[in-house]
N, C-alpha and C. Protein backbone atom coordinates (compact mmCIF):
# COMPACT_ATOMS: atom_id res chain seq x y z
N MET A 1 9.15 7.10 -18.78
CA MET A 1 9.32 7.58 -17.42
C MET A 1 8.78 9.01 -17.35
N TRP A 2 8.20 9.38 -16.23
CA TRP A 2 7.57 10.70 -16.09
C TRP A 2 8.59 11.76 -15.69
N LEU A 3 9.85 11.41 -15.73
CA LEU A 3 10.91 12.32 -15.34
C LEU A 3 11.06 13.43 -16.37
N LYS A 4 11.01 14.65 -15.96
CA LYS A 4 11.18 15.81 -16.84
C LYS A 4 12.67 16.07 -17.06
N GLY A 5 12.99 16.66 -18.23
CA GLY A 5 14.37 16.90 -18.60
C GLY A 5 15.14 17.74 -17.61
N ARG A 6 14.47 18.65 -16.92
CA ARG A 6 15.19 19.55 -16.02
C ARG A 6 15.47 18.96 -14.65
N LEU A 7 14.89 17.80 -14.35
CA LEU A 7 15.14 17.16 -13.06
C LEU A 7 16.43 16.36 -13.14
N THR A 8 17.22 16.43 -12.13
CA THR A 8 18.44 15.64 -12.10
C THR A 8 18.13 14.26 -11.56
N LEU A 9 19.04 13.36 -11.78
CA LEU A 9 18.86 12.00 -11.29
C LEU A 9 18.75 11.98 -9.77
N GLY A 10 19.51 12.82 -9.08
CA GLY A 10 19.46 12.87 -7.63
C GLY A 10 18.09 13.28 -7.12
N VAL A 11 17.48 14.27 -7.75
CA VAL A 11 16.14 14.72 -7.36
C VAL A 11 15.14 13.60 -7.60
N TYR A 12 15.28 12.94 -8.76
CA TYR A 12 14.38 11.84 -9.08
C TYR A 12 14.50 10.72 -8.04
N LEU A 13 15.74 10.34 -7.68
CA LEU A 13 15.93 9.28 -6.69
C LEU A 13 15.38 9.68 -5.33
N TRP A 14 15.55 10.93 -4.93
CA TRP A 14 15.00 11.41 -3.66
C TRP A 14 13.48 11.32 -3.68
N LYS A 15 12.87 11.74 -4.79
CA LYS A 15 11.42 11.66 -4.88
C LYS A 15 10.96 10.21 -4.83
N ARG A 16 11.66 9.30 -5.52
CA ARG A 16 11.30 7.89 -5.50
C ARG A 16 11.39 7.36 -4.07
N PHE A 17 12.46 7.75 -3.34
CA PHE A 17 12.62 7.32 -1.96
C PHE A 17 11.45 7.81 -1.11
N CYS A 18 11.08 9.06 -1.27
CA CYS A 18 9.96 9.62 -0.50
C CYS A 18 8.66 8.91 -0.84
N ILE A 19 8.46 8.61 -2.10
CA ILE A 19 7.24 7.90 -2.53
C ILE A 19 7.22 6.51 -1.90
N GLU A 20 8.33 5.80 -1.99
CA GLU A 20 8.40 4.45 -1.41
C GLU A 20 8.17 4.49 0.10
N LEU A 21 8.74 5.50 0.78
CA LEU A 21 8.56 5.63 2.22
C LEU A 21 7.09 5.88 2.55
N LEU A 22 6.44 6.75 1.79
CA LEU A 22 5.03 7.05 2.01
C LEU A 22 4.18 5.80 1.81
N LEU A 23 4.44 5.06 0.75
CA LEU A 23 3.69 3.83 0.51
C LEU A 23 3.94 2.81 1.61
N LEU A 24 5.19 2.70 2.05
CA LEU A 24 5.52 1.78 3.12
C LEU A 24 4.78 2.14 4.40
N LEU A 25 4.73 3.43 4.72
CA LEU A 25 4.00 3.86 5.92
C LEU A 25 2.52 3.52 5.80
N CYS A 26 1.95 3.73 4.62
CA CYS A 26 0.53 3.42 4.42
C CYS A 26 0.27 1.93 4.58
N LEU A 27 1.11 1.09 3.96
CA LEU A 27 0.94 -0.35 4.08
C LEU A 27 1.16 -0.81 5.51
N LEU A 28 2.16 -0.24 6.18
CA LEU A 28 2.44 -0.60 7.56
C LEU A 28 1.25 -0.26 8.45
N LEU A 29 0.70 0.92 8.29
CA LEU A 29 -0.46 1.33 9.09
C LEU A 29 -1.64 0.40 8.84
N GLU A 30 -1.88 0.05 7.60
CA GLU A 30 -2.98 -0.84 7.27
C GLU A 30 -2.78 -2.21 7.90
N SER A 31 -1.59 -2.79 7.73
CA SER A 31 -1.36 -4.13 8.26
C SER A 31 -1.38 -4.14 9.78
N LEU A 32 -0.80 -3.12 10.40
CA LEU A 32 -0.83 -3.05 11.86
C LEU A 32 -2.25 -2.96 12.40
N THR A 33 -3.06 -2.17 11.74
CA THR A 33 -4.44 -2.02 12.19
C THR A 33 -5.17 -3.35 12.14
N VAL A 34 -5.03 -4.07 11.05
CA VAL A 34 -5.70 -5.37 10.91
C VAL A 34 -5.19 -6.34 11.96
N VAL A 35 -3.88 -6.43 12.12
CA VAL A 35 -3.29 -7.36 13.10
C VAL A 35 -3.71 -6.99 14.51
N LEU A 36 -3.67 -5.72 14.83
CA LEU A 36 -4.03 -5.29 16.18
C LEU A 36 -5.50 -5.59 16.49
N ILE A 37 -6.37 -5.31 15.56
CA ILE A 37 -7.79 -5.57 15.79
C ILE A 37 -8.04 -7.05 16.00
N ARG A 38 -7.47 -7.88 15.15
CA ARG A 38 -7.65 -9.33 15.29
C ARG A 38 -7.10 -9.84 16.61
N THR A 39 -5.92 -9.39 16.98
CA THR A 39 -5.30 -9.84 18.21
C THR A 39 -6.11 -9.40 19.43
N ILE A 40 -6.55 -8.18 19.43
CA ILE A 40 -7.36 -7.67 20.55
C ILE A 40 -8.66 -8.46 20.67
N LEU A 41 -9.30 -8.71 19.55
CA LEU A 41 -10.56 -9.46 19.60
C LEU A 41 -10.35 -10.86 20.15
N VAL A 42 -9.26 -11.52 19.75
CA VAL A 42 -8.97 -12.85 20.27
C VAL A 42 -8.71 -12.78 21.76
N ARG A 43 -7.92 -11.80 22.18
CA ARG A 43 -7.62 -11.68 23.62
C ARG A 43 -8.87 -11.36 24.43
N VAL A 44 -9.72 -10.52 23.91
CA VAL A 44 -10.95 -10.16 24.63
C VAL A 44 -11.84 -11.39 24.76
N ARG A 45 -11.95 -12.16 23.68
CA ARG A 45 -12.82 -13.34 23.71
C ARG A 45 -12.27 -14.43 24.64
N THR A 46 -10.95 -14.61 24.66
CA THR A 46 -10.38 -15.73 25.41
C THR A 46 -10.01 -15.39 26.84
N ASN A 47 -9.84 -14.12 27.16
CA ASN A 47 -9.35 -13.77 28.49
C ASN A 47 -9.98 -12.45 28.95
N ARG A 48 -11.27 -12.41 28.96
CA ARG A 48 -11.98 -11.16 29.27
C ARG A 48 -11.62 -10.58 30.65
N ASP A 49 -11.45 -11.42 31.63
CA ASP A 49 -11.23 -10.92 32.98
C ASP A 49 -9.84 -10.31 33.16
N ASN A 50 -8.83 -10.87 32.52
CA ASN A 50 -7.46 -10.41 32.73
C ASN A 50 -7.01 -9.38 31.68
N PHE A 51 -7.83 -9.06 30.73
CA PHE A 51 -7.42 -8.17 29.65
C PHE A 51 -7.53 -6.71 30.09
N ASN A 52 -6.47 -5.97 29.84
CA ASN A 52 -6.44 -4.55 30.18
C ASN A 52 -7.15 -3.77 29.07
N MET A 53 -8.30 -3.24 29.33
CA MET A 53 -9.14 -2.60 28.31
C MET A 53 -8.58 -1.27 27.82
N THR A 54 -7.56 -0.73 28.48
CA THR A 54 -7.00 0.54 28.00
C THR A 54 -6.34 0.37 26.63
N HIS A 55 -5.97 -0.85 26.27
CA HIS A 55 -5.40 -1.09 24.95
C HIS A 55 -6.40 -0.82 23.83
N LEU A 56 -7.67 -0.93 24.17
CA LEU A 56 -8.69 -0.68 23.16
C LEU A 56 -8.66 0.77 22.67
N THR A 57 -8.24 1.69 23.51
CA THR A 57 -8.10 3.09 23.10
C THR A 57 -7.08 3.21 21.98
N LEU A 58 -5.97 2.51 22.14
CA LEU A 58 -4.94 2.52 21.10
C LEU A 58 -5.47 1.90 19.81
N ILE A 59 -6.11 0.76 19.93
CA ILE A 59 -6.65 0.08 18.76
C ILE A 59 -7.67 0.96 18.05
N ARG A 60 -8.53 1.57 18.83
CA ARG A 60 -9.55 2.45 18.24
C ARG A 60 -8.89 3.62 17.50
N GLN A 61 -7.86 4.22 18.08
CA GLN A 61 -7.20 5.35 17.44
C GLN A 61 -6.46 4.93 16.18
N LEU A 62 -5.80 3.76 16.20
CA LEU A 62 -5.16 3.25 15.00
C LEU A 62 -6.18 3.00 13.89
N SER A 63 -7.30 2.43 14.27
CA SER A 63 -8.36 2.18 13.29
C SER A 63 -8.91 3.48 12.72
N LYS A 64 -9.13 4.46 13.57
CA LYS A 64 -9.62 5.76 13.11
C LYS A 64 -8.62 6.43 12.17
N ALA A 65 -7.33 6.34 12.51
CA ALA A 65 -6.29 6.94 11.67
C ALA A 65 -6.26 6.25 10.30
N TYR A 66 -6.33 4.92 10.31
CA TYR A 66 -6.32 4.20 9.04
C TYR A 66 -7.58 4.52 8.22
N GLN A 67 -8.73 4.55 8.86
CA GLN A 67 -9.96 4.85 8.14
C GLN A 67 -9.93 6.26 7.55
N ALA A 68 -9.39 7.22 8.30
CA ALA A 68 -9.29 8.59 7.79
C ALA A 68 -8.35 8.64 6.59
N PHE A 69 -7.21 7.95 6.70
CA PHE A 69 -6.29 7.91 5.57
C PHE A 69 -6.95 7.25 4.36
N GLU A 70 -7.58 6.12 4.58
CA GLU A 70 -8.21 5.38 3.48
C GLU A 70 -9.28 6.22 2.79
N LYS A 71 -10.08 6.93 3.57
CA LYS A 71 -11.12 7.79 3.00
C LYS A 71 -10.49 8.90 2.16
N TYR A 72 -9.46 9.52 2.69
CA TYR A 72 -8.76 10.61 2.00
C TYR A 72 -8.14 10.10 0.70
N SER A 73 -7.43 8.99 0.78
CA SER A 73 -6.74 8.44 -0.38
C SER A 73 -7.72 7.89 -1.41
N ALA A 74 -8.70 7.11 -0.96
CA ALA A 74 -9.63 6.44 -1.87
C ALA A 74 -10.45 7.42 -2.69
N SER A 75 -10.83 8.53 -2.09
CA SER A 75 -11.64 9.49 -2.85
C SER A 75 -10.85 10.04 -4.04
N HIS A 76 -9.58 10.30 -3.85
CA HIS A 76 -8.75 10.80 -4.94
C HIS A 76 -8.51 9.72 -6.00
N VAL A 77 -8.25 8.50 -5.56
CA VAL A 77 -8.01 7.40 -6.50
C VAL A 77 -9.26 7.17 -7.36
N ARG A 78 -10.43 7.19 -6.74
CA ARG A 78 -11.66 6.99 -7.51
C ARG A 78 -11.86 8.12 -8.53
N ASP A 79 -11.45 9.34 -8.16
CA ASP A 79 -11.52 10.46 -9.12
C ASP A 79 -10.62 10.22 -10.32
N LEU A 80 -9.59 9.39 -10.15
CA LEU A 80 -8.67 9.06 -11.24
C LEU A 80 -9.25 7.98 -12.15
N GLY A 81 -10.39 7.39 -11.74
CA GLY A 81 -11.07 6.41 -12.59
C GLY A 81 -10.72 4.96 -12.29
N ILE A 82 -10.09 4.70 -11.15
CA ILE A 82 -9.77 3.33 -10.77
C ILE A 82 -10.13 3.12 -9.31
N THR A 83 -10.18 1.86 -8.91
CA THR A 83 -10.50 1.56 -7.51
C THR A 83 -9.22 1.61 -6.69
N PRO A 84 -9.36 1.76 -5.37
CA PRO A 84 -8.16 1.75 -4.52
C PRO A 84 -7.33 0.46 -4.66
N THR A 85 -7.99 -0.67 -4.79
CA THR A 85 -7.26 -1.94 -4.94
C THR A 85 -6.53 -1.99 -6.27
N GLN A 86 -7.16 -1.51 -7.34
CA GLN A 86 -6.48 -1.45 -8.64
C GLN A 86 -5.29 -0.52 -8.56
N PHE A 87 -5.44 0.60 -7.86
CA PHE A 87 -4.33 1.54 -7.69
C PHE A 87 -3.18 0.88 -6.94
N ASP A 88 -3.49 0.13 -5.87
CA ASP A 88 -2.45 -0.56 -5.11
C ASP A 88 -1.62 -1.47 -6.02
N ILE A 89 -2.30 -2.19 -6.89
CA ILE A 89 -1.61 -3.11 -7.79
C ILE A 89 -0.78 -2.34 -8.81
N LEU A 90 -1.37 -1.30 -9.42
CA LEU A 90 -0.62 -0.49 -10.38
C LEU A 90 0.61 0.15 -9.72
N ALA A 91 0.44 0.67 -8.51
CA ALA A 91 1.54 1.31 -7.81
C ALA A 91 2.63 0.31 -7.44
N THR A 92 2.25 -0.90 -7.10
CA THR A 92 3.21 -1.92 -6.73
C THR A 92 3.98 -2.42 -7.95
N LEU A 93 3.29 -2.57 -9.07
CA LEU A 93 3.94 -3.07 -10.29
C LEU A 93 4.70 -1.97 -11.04
N GLY A 94 4.37 -0.71 -10.78
CA GLY A 94 5.02 0.39 -11.49
C GLY A 94 6.51 0.43 -11.20
N ASN A 95 7.31 0.58 -12.26
CA ASN A 95 8.78 0.64 -12.16
C ASN A 95 9.37 -0.60 -11.49
N GLN A 96 8.68 -1.72 -11.57
CA GLN A 96 9.16 -2.98 -10.99
C GLN A 96 9.13 -4.05 -12.08
N PRO A 97 9.98 -5.04 -11.97
CA PRO A 97 9.88 -6.17 -12.91
C PRO A 97 8.63 -6.98 -12.58
N PRO A 98 8.13 -7.76 -13.53
CA PRO A 98 6.97 -8.61 -13.24
C PRO A 98 7.22 -9.49 -12.02
N MET A 99 6.15 -9.79 -11.29
CA MET A 99 6.27 -10.61 -10.09
C MET A 99 5.15 -11.62 -10.01
N THR A 100 5.35 -12.64 -9.21
CA THR A 100 4.33 -13.67 -9.05
C THR A 100 3.13 -13.10 -8.30
N CYS A 101 2.02 -13.80 -8.41
CA CYS A 101 0.81 -13.38 -7.69
C CYS A 101 1.06 -13.41 -6.18
N LYS A 102 1.80 -14.41 -5.71
CA LYS A 102 2.08 -14.49 -4.28
C LYS A 102 2.86 -13.26 -3.81
N LYS A 103 3.90 -12.91 -4.55
CA LYS A 103 4.71 -11.75 -4.18
C LYS A 103 3.87 -10.47 -4.26
N LEU A 104 3.05 -10.36 -5.28
CA LEU A 104 2.18 -9.19 -5.43
C LEU A 104 1.20 -9.10 -4.26
N GLY A 105 0.62 -10.23 -3.88
CA GLY A 105 -0.29 -10.27 -2.74
C GLY A 105 0.41 -9.88 -1.44
N ASP A 106 1.64 -10.36 -1.26
CA ASP A 106 2.40 -10.02 -0.05
C ASP A 106 2.71 -8.53 0.00
N LYS A 107 3.08 -7.96 -1.13
CA LYS A 107 3.45 -6.54 -1.16
C LYS A 107 2.24 -5.62 -0.99
N THR A 108 1.08 -6.04 -1.51
CA THR A 108 -0.10 -5.18 -1.45
C THR A 108 -1.00 -5.49 -0.27
N LEU A 109 -0.79 -6.63 0.39
CA LEU A 109 -1.64 -7.09 1.49
C LEU A 109 -3.07 -7.37 1.02
N ILE A 110 -3.22 -7.68 -0.26
CA ILE A 110 -4.52 -8.03 -0.82
C ILE A 110 -4.66 -9.55 -0.75
N THR A 111 -5.82 -10.02 -0.28
CA THR A 111 -6.02 -11.46 -0.15
C THR A 111 -6.05 -12.11 -1.53
N LYS A 112 -5.75 -13.41 -1.56
CA LYS A 112 -5.68 -14.15 -2.82
C LYS A 112 -6.99 -14.08 -3.59
N GLY A 113 -8.11 -14.25 -2.89
CA GLY A 113 -9.42 -14.21 -3.55
C GLY A 113 -9.71 -12.86 -4.19
N THR A 114 -9.42 -11.79 -3.48
CA THR A 114 -9.63 -10.45 -4.02
C THR A 114 -8.66 -10.16 -5.15
N LEU A 115 -7.41 -10.57 -4.96
CA LEU A 115 -6.38 -10.31 -5.96
C LEU A 115 -6.73 -10.94 -7.31
N THR A 116 -7.24 -12.17 -7.29
CA THR A 116 -7.58 -12.85 -8.53
C THR A 116 -8.61 -12.06 -9.33
N GLY A 117 -9.66 -11.60 -8.68
CA GLY A 117 -10.70 -10.84 -9.37
C GLY A 117 -10.20 -9.51 -9.90
N VAL A 118 -9.40 -8.82 -9.10
CA VAL A 118 -8.88 -7.52 -9.52
C VAL A 118 -7.93 -7.70 -10.70
N LEU A 119 -7.09 -8.73 -10.66
CA LEU A 119 -6.18 -8.99 -11.78
C LEU A 119 -6.94 -9.31 -13.06
N GLU A 120 -8.04 -10.06 -12.92
CA GLU A 120 -8.86 -10.36 -14.10
C GLU A 120 -9.43 -9.08 -14.71
N ARG A 121 -9.89 -8.17 -13.86
CA ARG A 121 -10.45 -6.91 -14.38
C ARG A 121 -9.37 -6.03 -15.00
N LEU A 122 -8.19 -5.98 -14.39
CA LEU A 122 -7.09 -5.21 -14.96
C LEU A 122 -6.62 -5.82 -16.28
N ASP A 123 -6.64 -7.15 -16.36
CA ASP A 123 -6.27 -7.84 -17.60
C ASP A 123 -7.29 -7.53 -18.69
N ALA A 124 -8.57 -7.53 -18.34
CA ALA A 124 -9.62 -7.23 -19.31
C ALA A 124 -9.51 -5.80 -19.84
N LYS A 125 -9.00 -4.89 -19.00
CA LYS A 125 -8.78 -3.50 -19.43
C LYS A 125 -7.48 -3.34 -20.21
N GLY A 126 -6.68 -4.41 -20.27
CA GLY A 126 -5.41 -4.35 -20.98
C GLY A 126 -4.31 -3.63 -20.21
N LEU A 127 -4.43 -3.56 -18.88
CA LEU A 127 -3.46 -2.83 -18.06
C LEU A 127 -2.32 -3.70 -17.53
N ILE A 128 -2.51 -5.02 -17.54
CA ILE A 128 -1.47 -5.94 -17.10
C ILE A 128 -1.29 -7.03 -18.15
N HIS A 129 -0.20 -7.74 -18.03
CA HIS A 129 -0.01 -8.94 -18.84
C HIS A 129 0.57 -10.03 -17.95
N ARG A 130 0.28 -11.25 -18.34
CA ARG A 130 0.75 -12.42 -17.59
C ARG A 130 1.88 -13.07 -18.39
N LEU A 131 2.97 -13.33 -17.71
CA LEU A 131 4.14 -13.94 -18.34
C LEU A 131 4.43 -15.28 -17.70
N PRO A 132 4.94 -16.22 -18.47
CA PRO A 132 5.34 -17.51 -17.85
C PRO A 132 6.42 -17.28 -16.80
N ASN A 133 6.32 -18.02 -15.74
CA ASN A 133 7.32 -17.93 -14.67
C ASN A 133 8.40 -18.96 -14.98
N GLU A 134 9.56 -18.49 -15.36
CA GLU A 134 10.65 -19.39 -15.75
C GLU A 134 11.16 -20.21 -14.57
N GLU A 135 10.95 -19.72 -13.36
CA GLU A 135 11.42 -20.42 -12.16
C GLU A 135 10.45 -21.51 -11.70
N ASP A 136 9.17 -21.37 -12.09
CA ASP A 136 8.14 -22.32 -11.66
C ASP A 136 7.06 -22.36 -12.74
N ALA A 137 7.04 -23.42 -13.52
CA ALA A 137 6.12 -23.51 -14.66
C ALA A 137 4.66 -23.58 -14.22
N ARG A 138 4.41 -23.85 -12.95
CA ARG A 138 3.03 -23.93 -12.47
C ARG A 138 2.39 -22.56 -12.26
N SER A 139 3.21 -21.51 -12.27
CA SER A 139 2.69 -20.17 -12.02
C SER A 139 3.13 -19.22 -13.13
N TYR A 140 2.69 -18.00 -13.01
CA TYR A 140 3.06 -16.96 -13.97
C TYR A 140 3.38 -15.69 -13.21
N LYS A 141 3.96 -14.74 -13.94
CA LYS A 141 4.27 -13.45 -13.34
C LYS A 141 3.37 -12.39 -13.94
N ILE A 142 3.10 -11.37 -13.14
CA ILE A 142 2.24 -10.26 -13.55
C ILE A 142 3.11 -9.03 -13.75
N GLY A 143 2.89 -8.33 -14.84
CA GLY A 143 3.58 -7.08 -15.10
C GLY A 143 2.63 -6.08 -15.73
N LEU A 144 3.01 -4.83 -15.76
CA LEU A 144 2.19 -3.82 -16.40
C LEU A 144 2.38 -3.89 -17.91
N SER A 145 1.28 -3.80 -18.63
CA SER A 145 1.34 -3.67 -20.09
C SER A 145 1.76 -2.24 -20.41
N GLN A 146 1.92 -1.94 -21.68
CA GLN A 146 2.27 -0.57 -22.04
C GLN A 146 1.17 0.40 -21.60
N SER A 147 -0.09 -0.02 -21.75
CA SER A 147 -1.22 0.82 -21.30
C SER A 147 -1.18 0.99 -19.79
N GLY A 148 -0.82 -0.08 -19.09
CA GLY A 148 -0.72 -0.01 -17.63
C GLY A 148 0.40 0.92 -17.19
N LYS A 149 1.53 0.86 -17.90
CA LYS A 149 2.64 1.76 -17.57
C LYS A 149 2.25 3.21 -17.82
N THR A 150 1.54 3.44 -18.91
CA THR A 150 1.09 4.80 -19.23
C THR A 150 0.15 5.31 -18.15
N LEU A 151 -0.79 4.46 -17.72
CA LEU A 151 -1.72 4.86 -16.65
C LEU A 151 -0.96 5.10 -15.35
N PHE A 152 -0.02 4.22 -15.02
CA PHE A 152 0.79 4.39 -13.81
C PHE A 152 1.50 5.74 -13.84
N GLU A 153 2.14 6.04 -14.95
CA GLU A 153 2.90 7.30 -15.08
C GLU A 153 1.98 8.52 -15.00
N LYS A 154 0.72 8.31 -15.35
CA LYS A 154 -0.25 9.41 -15.30
C LYS A 154 -0.80 9.61 -13.88
N VAL A 155 -1.19 8.54 -13.21
CA VAL A 155 -1.90 8.68 -11.93
C VAL A 155 -1.00 8.64 -10.70
N PHE A 156 0.10 7.90 -10.75
CA PHE A 156 0.91 7.72 -9.55
C PHE A 156 1.52 9.02 -9.03
N PRO A 157 2.21 9.79 -9.87
CA PRO A 157 2.80 11.04 -9.34
C PRO A 157 1.75 12.00 -8.79
N GLY A 158 0.60 12.07 -9.46
CA GLY A 158 -0.47 12.95 -8.97
C GLY A 158 -1.02 12.51 -7.63
N HIS A 159 -1.14 11.20 -7.44
CA HIS A 159 -1.67 10.72 -6.17
C HIS A 159 -0.66 10.91 -5.04
N VAL A 160 0.60 10.69 -5.35
CA VAL A 160 1.64 10.92 -4.34
C VAL A 160 1.64 12.39 -3.93
N GLU A 161 1.49 13.27 -4.88
CA GLU A 161 1.44 14.70 -4.58
C GLU A 161 0.21 15.02 -3.74
N TYR A 162 -0.92 14.39 -4.05
CA TYR A 162 -2.15 14.57 -3.28
C TYR A 162 -1.94 14.13 -1.83
N LEU A 163 -1.30 12.97 -1.63
CA LEU A 163 -1.03 12.49 -0.27
C LEU A 163 -0.03 13.39 0.44
N LYS A 164 0.93 13.89 -0.31
CA LYS A 164 1.95 14.76 0.27
C LYS A 164 1.31 16.01 0.88
N GLN A 165 0.24 16.51 0.28
CA GLN A 165 -0.45 17.69 0.80
C GLN A 165 -0.94 17.45 2.23
N ALA A 166 -1.37 16.22 2.50
CA ALA A 166 -1.85 15.91 3.85
C ALA A 166 -0.71 15.94 4.86
N PHE A 167 0.50 15.67 4.41
CA PHE A 167 1.65 15.61 5.30
C PHE A 167 2.46 16.91 5.29
N ASN A 168 1.98 17.94 4.64
CA ASN A 168 2.74 19.20 4.53
C ASN A 168 3.09 19.80 5.89
N ALA A 169 2.24 19.63 6.87
CA ALA A 169 2.49 20.24 8.17
C ALA A 169 3.42 19.39 9.05
N THR A 170 3.84 18.24 8.53
CA THR A 170 4.70 17.36 9.32
C THR A 170 6.16 17.56 8.94
N THR A 171 7.03 17.12 9.83
CA THR A 171 8.47 17.18 9.56
C THR A 171 8.99 15.76 9.35
N SER A 172 10.18 15.65 8.84
CA SER A 172 10.78 14.33 8.69
C SER A 172 10.99 13.69 10.06
N ARG A 173 11.21 14.51 11.07
CA ARG A 173 11.35 13.99 12.44
C ARG A 173 10.03 13.39 12.93
N ASP A 174 8.90 14.07 12.63
CA ASP A 174 7.59 13.53 12.99
C ASP A 174 7.41 12.14 12.38
N ILE A 175 7.68 12.06 11.08
CA ILE A 175 7.48 10.80 10.36
C ILE A 175 8.40 9.72 10.93
N SER A 176 9.61 10.07 11.24
CA SER A 176 10.55 9.10 11.84
C SER A 176 10.04 8.61 13.18
N GLU A 177 9.55 9.50 14.02
CA GLU A 177 9.02 9.11 15.33
C GLU A 177 7.79 8.23 15.19
N TRP A 178 6.87 8.61 14.30
CA TRP A 178 5.66 7.81 14.08
C TRP A 178 6.01 6.42 13.58
N THR A 179 6.98 6.35 12.68
CA THR A 179 7.41 5.06 12.15
C THR A 179 7.95 4.18 13.26
N LYS A 180 8.76 4.74 14.15
CA LYS A 180 9.30 3.98 15.28
C LYS A 180 8.19 3.47 16.18
N VAL A 181 7.21 4.31 16.46
CA VAL A 181 6.10 3.91 17.33
C VAL A 181 5.31 2.78 16.67
N LEU A 182 5.01 2.92 15.39
CA LEU A 182 4.26 1.88 14.70
C LEU A 182 5.04 0.56 14.66
N LYS A 183 6.33 0.64 14.44
CA LYS A 183 7.15 -0.58 14.44
C LYS A 183 7.16 -1.22 15.81
N SER A 184 7.23 -0.42 16.87
CA SER A 184 7.23 -0.99 18.21
C SER A 184 5.88 -1.64 18.52
N ILE A 185 4.81 -1.07 18.03
CA ILE A 185 3.48 -1.70 18.22
C ILE A 185 3.44 -3.01 17.46
N GLU A 186 3.97 -3.03 16.26
CA GLU A 186 4.00 -4.25 15.46
C GLU A 186 4.76 -5.36 16.20
N LEU A 187 5.88 -5.00 16.83
CA LEU A 187 6.71 -6.00 17.52
C LEU A 187 5.99 -6.63 18.72
N ILE A 188 5.05 -5.92 19.30
CA ILE A 188 4.28 -6.48 20.41
C ILE A 188 3.60 -7.78 20.00
N PHE A 189 3.20 -7.86 18.74
CA PHE A 189 2.39 -8.98 18.28
C PHE A 189 3.20 -10.03 17.51
N LYS A 190 4.51 -9.88 17.48
CA LYS A 190 5.33 -10.88 16.79
C LYS A 190 5.96 -11.83 17.77
């Protein structure tokens, strides 16, 4: 664990909570953007005359926000020597028990086809291991190998700190309000 001796358990848990919240916000923004774009395109194609085009401003801004975040985050991840998708998998598996490919895909929002290739490359690098799934013999579970855990402990805290710099000018109230707005947008499409 990357926990230093002088940090208390409470500080560690608070940092873990903040990290999880930040990752959740990133995943939520990504999934909302994809869902919103797809839904808008379907509505525009099927009901052009009755569609209120002012919604496109919102979609465009969500897309721009996600693209800006992705550019900011991806450049740092690539500097760490891994791809953004590999980082998503390492971050999801870090400090977690092994999980099935389906669960990993659901948590990372990575499609099955992309996930398979990325897992093969991570396996070839010795960063993950595949374990038999005791609950379902037809599948297996994915976990970090010792090398994968070492890499996670090396890159994850640094990347979280890098992302935190972008949010330094925000308050917890800002983040709470933004989260509520994003959740309300998500509910429009459910």
